Amino acid sequence: MWKSLYELVRTIIQLSERVQEDREEIKELRRDLRDLTLIVERLSSQLVHVSEREERERAMLVLQLENGIVRSRRALLVGEADGNG
């Protein structure tokens, strides 16, 4: 009987220690999850900014291309008006 009682108390103590370890591990995992969430939020924000910047750059390239086309047309028209065309 004493042996059974001893084993029961020992098991309860071991389980109690394990529960405490699990609680600490859960706290650590929650901190890690918070950190990862912040990282993902920052990356998402950076991705939006990069996308917006690239969109502006593409628009600028289109405008530069259109400007070049207009200049080329003008040069051709001026050349034709001078009789060189």
N, C-alpha and C. Protein backbone atom coordinates (compact mmCIF):
# COMPACT_ATOMS: atom_id res chain seq x y z
N MET A 1 0.82 -1.18 0.00
CA MET A 1 0.00 0.00 0.00
C MET A 1 0.87 1.26 0.00
N TRP A 2 1.91 1.26 0.81
CA TRP A 2 2.79 2.44 0.86
C TRP A 2 3.51 2.64 -0.46
N LYS A 3 3.81 1.53 -1.05
CA LYS A 3 4.48 1.62 -2.34
C LYS A 3 3.55 2.25 -3.38
N SER A 4 2.29 1.86 -3.38
CA SER A 4 1.31 2.44 -4.30
C SER A 4 1.10 3.91 -4.02
N LEU A 5 1.04 4.28 -2.78
CA LEU A 5 0.89 5.69 -2.40
C LEU A 5 2.12 6.48 -2.84
N TYR A 6 3.29 5.92 -2.62
CA TYR A 6 4.53 6.56 -3.04
C TYR A 6 4.54 6.77 -4.57
N GLU A 7 4.17 5.74 -5.29
CA GLU A 7 4.12 5.83 -6.76
C GLU A 7 3.12 6.89 -7.21
N LEU A 8 1.99 6.95 -6.56
CA LEU A 8 0.97 7.94 -6.90
C LEU A 8 1.49 9.35 -6.65
N VAL A 9 2.10 9.59 -5.52
CA VAL A 9 2.65 10.91 -5.20
C VAL A 9 3.76 11.25 -6.18
N ARG A 10 4.60 10.30 -6.47
CA ARG A 10 5.69 10.52 -7.43
C ARG A 10 5.14 10.87 -8.81
N THR A 11 4.13 10.16 -9.23
CA THR A 11 3.50 10.44 -10.53
C THR A 11 2.88 11.83 -10.54
N ILE A 12 2.22 12.20 -9.48
CA ILE A 12 1.60 13.53 -9.38
C ILE A 12 2.68 14.62 -9.46
N ILE A 13 3.77 14.43 -8.77
CA ILE A 13 4.86 15.40 -8.79
C ILE A 13 5.45 15.50 -10.21
N GLN A 14 5.67 14.36 -10.83
CA GLN A 14 6.21 14.36 -12.19
C GLN A 14 5.26 15.06 -13.17
N LEU A 15 3.99 14.77 -13.03
CA LEU A 15 3.00 15.40 -13.90
C LEU A 15 2.94 16.91 -13.66
N SER A 16 3.03 17.28 -12.42
CA SER A 16 3.03 18.70 -12.08
C SER A 16 4.23 19.41 -12.69
N GLU A 17 5.39 18.78 -12.62
CA GLU A 17 6.59 19.36 -13.23
C GLU A 17 6.44 19.46 -14.74
N ARG A 18 5.88 18.42 -15.31
CA ARG A 18 5.69 18.41 -16.76
C ARG A 18 4.71 19.51 -17.19
N VAL A 19 3.65 19.69 -16.42
CA VAL A 19 2.69 20.75 -16.73
C VAL A 19 3.37 22.11 -16.68
N GLN A 20 4.21 22.33 -15.67
CA GLN A 20 4.93 23.60 -15.56
C GLN A 20 5.86 23.81 -16.76
N GLU A 21 6.57 22.76 -17.14
CA GLU A 21 7.44 22.84 -18.33
C GLU A 21 6.63 23.17 -19.58
N ASP A 22 5.48 22.52 -19.72
CA ASP A 22 4.62 22.77 -20.87
C ASP A 22 4.12 24.22 -20.88
N ARG A 23 3.78 24.73 -19.73
CA ARG A 23 3.33 26.12 -19.64
C ARG A 23 4.43 27.08 -20.09
N GLU A 24 5.65 26.81 -19.66
CA GLU A 24 6.77 27.66 -20.07
C GLU A 24 7.00 27.56 -21.58
N GLU A 25 6.89 26.35 -22.08
CA GLU A 25 7.08 26.15 -23.53
C GLU A 25 5.98 26.87 -24.31
N ILE A 26 4.76 26.82 -23.82
CA ILE A 26 3.65 27.52 -24.47
C ILE A 26 3.90 29.03 -24.47
N LYS A 27 4.39 29.57 -23.35
CA LYS A 27 4.72 31.00 -23.30
C LYS A 27 5.77 31.35 -24.35
N GLU A 28 6.78 30.52 -24.45
CA GLU A 28 7.84 30.76 -25.44
C GLU A 28 7.29 30.68 -26.87
N LEU A 29 6.44 29.69 -27.12
CA LEU A 29 5.85 29.56 -28.45
C LEU A 29 4.97 30.76 -28.78
N ARG A 30 4.26 31.28 -27.80
CA ARG A 30 3.44 32.47 -28.03
C ARG A 30 4.31 33.68 -28.36
N ARG A 31 5.44 33.81 -27.66
CA ARG A 31 6.37 34.91 -27.98
C ARG A 31 6.89 34.75 -29.40
N ASP A 32 7.26 33.53 -29.74
CA ASP A 32 7.76 33.27 -31.10
C ASP A 32 6.69 33.60 -32.14
N LEU A 33 5.46 33.22 -31.86
CA LEU A 33 4.36 33.49 -32.78
C LEU A 33 4.14 34.99 -32.94
N ARG A 34 4.21 35.73 -31.83
CA ARG A 34 4.08 37.20 -31.91
C ARG A 34 5.19 37.79 -32.77
N ASP A 35 6.42 37.31 -32.54
CA ASP A 35 7.56 37.80 -33.33
C ASP A 35 7.37 37.50 -34.81
N LEU A 36 6.96 36.29 -35.11
CA LEU A 36 6.74 35.90 -36.51
C LEU A 36 5.61 36.71 -37.13
N THR A 37 4.57 36.97 -36.36
CA THR A 37 3.47 37.78 -36.86
C THR A 37 3.94 39.18 -37.21
N LEU A 38 4.77 39.77 -36.36
CA LEU A 38 5.31 41.10 -36.64
C LEU A 38 6.18 41.08 -37.91
N ILE A 39 6.97 40.04 -38.05
CA ILE A 39 7.83 39.92 -39.23
C ILE A 39 6.97 39.81 -40.49
N VAL A 40 5.93 38.99 -40.45
CA VAL A 40 5.06 38.82 -41.61
C VAL A 40 4.35 40.14 -41.95
N GLU A 41 3.92 40.87 -40.92
CA GLU A 41 3.27 42.16 -41.15
C GLU A 41 4.23 43.15 -41.81
N ARG A 42 5.48 43.17 -41.33
CA ARG A 42 6.48 44.06 -41.93
C ARG A 42 6.75 43.68 -43.38
N LEU A 43 6.91 42.38 -43.62
CA LEU A 43 7.17 41.92 -44.98
C LEU A 43 6.00 42.25 -45.91
N SER A 44 4.80 42.10 -45.41
CA SER A 44 3.62 42.42 -46.20
C SER A 44 3.61 43.90 -46.55
N SER A 45 3.91 44.73 -45.58
CA SER A 45 3.96 46.18 -45.82
C SER A 45 5.05 46.52 -46.83
N GLN A 46 6.21 45.91 -46.68
CA GLN A 46 7.30 46.16 -47.62
C GLN A 46 6.92 45.70 -49.03
N LEU A 47 6.23 44.59 -49.12
CA LEU A 47 5.81 44.08 -50.42
C LEU A 47 4.85 45.07 -51.09
N VAL A 48 3.94 45.65 -50.32
CA VAL A 48 3.01 46.64 -50.86
C VAL A 48 3.79 47.85 -51.38
N HIS A 49 4.76 48.31 -50.58
CA HIS A 49 5.55 49.48 -51.00
C HIS A 49 6.36 49.18 -52.27
N VAL A 50 6.94 48.00 -52.32
CA VAL A 50 7.72 47.63 -53.51
C VAL A 50 6.81 47.57 -54.73
N SER A 51 5.64 46.99 -54.57
CA SER A 51 4.69 46.89 -55.67
C SER A 51 4.27 48.27 -56.16
N GLU A 52 3.99 49.17 -55.21
CA GLU A 52 3.60 50.53 -55.58
C GLU A 52 4.75 51.25 -56.30
N ARG A 53 5.96 51.08 -55.79
CA ARG A 53 7.12 51.72 -56.41
C ARG A 53 7.34 51.20 -57.82
N GLU A 54 7.22 49.89 -58.00
CA GLU A 54 7.40 49.31 -59.33
C GLU A 54 6.31 49.79 -60.29
N GLU A 55 5.10 49.94 -59.78
CA GLU A 55 4.02 50.44 -60.62
C GLU A 55 4.32 51.87 -61.07
N ARG A 56 4.83 52.71 -60.16
CA ARG A 56 5.20 54.08 -60.53
C ARG A 56 6.34 54.07 -61.55
N GLU A 57 7.30 53.19 -61.37
CA GLU A 57 8.42 53.10 -62.30
C GLU A 57 7.96 52.67 -63.68
N ARG A 58 7.02 51.71 -63.75
CA ARG A 58 6.48 51.29 -65.04
C ARG A 58 5.74 52.44 -65.71
N ALA A 59 4.96 53.18 -64.94
CA ALA A 59 4.24 54.32 -65.50
C ALA A 59 5.23 55.36 -66.03
N MET A 60 6.31 55.58 -65.30
CA MET A 60 7.32 56.53 -65.74
C MET A 60 7.98 56.05 -67.04
N LEU A 61 8.27 54.78 -67.15
CA LEU A 61 8.85 54.23 -68.37
C LEU A 61 7.91 54.38 -69.56
N VAL A 62 6.62 54.16 -69.32
CA VAL A 62 5.64 54.33 -70.39
C VAL A 62 5.63 55.79 -70.84
N LEU A 63 5.64 56.72 -69.90
CA LEU A 63 5.66 58.14 -70.25
C LEU A 63 6.93 58.50 -71.02
N GLN A 64 8.05 57.96 -70.60
CA GLN A 64 9.30 58.23 -71.31
C GLN A 64 9.26 57.67 -72.73
N LEU A 65 8.69 56.50 -72.88
CA LEU A 65 8.55 55.90 -74.20
C LEU A 65 7.63 56.74 -75.08
N GLU A 66 6.49 57.14 -74.52
CA GLU A 66 5.56 57.99 -75.27
C GLU A 66 6.23 59.30 -75.66
N ASN A 67 6.99 59.88 -74.75
CA ASN A 67 7.70 61.13 -75.03
C ASN A 67 8.70 60.92 -76.17
N GLY A 68 9.40 59.81 -76.15
CA GLY A 68 10.35 59.51 -77.23
C GLY A 68 9.65 59.37 -78.57
N ILE A 69 8.50 58.73 -78.56
CA ILE A 69 7.74 58.56 -79.80
C ILE A 69 7.29 59.92 -80.33
N VAL A 70 6.79 60.78 -79.44
CA VAL A 70 6.35 62.11 -79.86
C VAL A 70 7.52 62.89 -80.44
N ARG A 71 8.67 62.84 -79.81
CA ARG A 71 9.85 63.54 -80.31
C ARG A 71 10.27 63.01 -81.69
N SER A 72 10.21 61.69 -81.85
CA SER A 72 10.57 61.10 -83.13
C SER A 72 9.61 61.55 -84.22
N ARG A 73 8.33 61.58 -83.92
CA ARG A 73 7.34 62.03 -84.90
C ARG A 73 7.59 63.49 -85.28
N ARG A 74 7.86 64.31 -84.29
CA ARG A 74 8.15 65.73 -84.56
C ARG A 74 9.37 65.87 -85.47
N ALA A 75 10.38 65.09 -85.15
CA ALA A 75 11.60 65.17 -85.96
C ALA A 75 11.31 64.75 -87.40
N LEU A 76 10.48 63.72 -87.56
CA LEU A 76 10.11 63.30 -88.91
C LEU A 76 9.31 64.36 -89.62
N LEU A 77 8.37 64.98 -88.92
CA LEU A 77 7.54 66.02 -89.52
C LEU A 77 8.38 67.24 -89.92
N VAL A 78 9.31 67.60 -89.04
CA VAL A 78 10.18 68.74 -89.35
C VAL A 78 11.05 68.41 -90.56
N GLY A 79 11.52 67.20 -90.64
CA GLY A 79 12.34 66.78 -91.77
C GLY A 79 11.54 66.79 -93.06
N GLU A 80 10.30 66.35 -93.01
CA GLU A 80 9.44 66.35 -94.19
C GLU A 80 9.10 67.77 -94.61
N ALA A 81 8.90 68.65 -93.66
CA ALA A 81 8.56 70.05 -93.96
C ALA A 81 9.75 70.76 -94.58
N ASP A 82 10.94 70.37 -94.22
CA ASP A 82 12.14 70.98 -94.80
C ASP A 82 12.44 70.41 -96.18
N GLY A 83 11.73 69.41 -96.57
CA GLY A 83 11.95 68.80 -97.87
C GLY A 83 13.00 67.71 -97.86
N ASN A 84 13.36 67.25 -96.71
CA ASN A 84 14.37 66.21 -96.60
C ASN A 84 13.75 64.82 -96.61
N GLY A 85 12.45 64.76 -96.58
CA GLY A 85 11.82 63.48 -96.43
C GLY A 85 11.34 62.94 -97.66
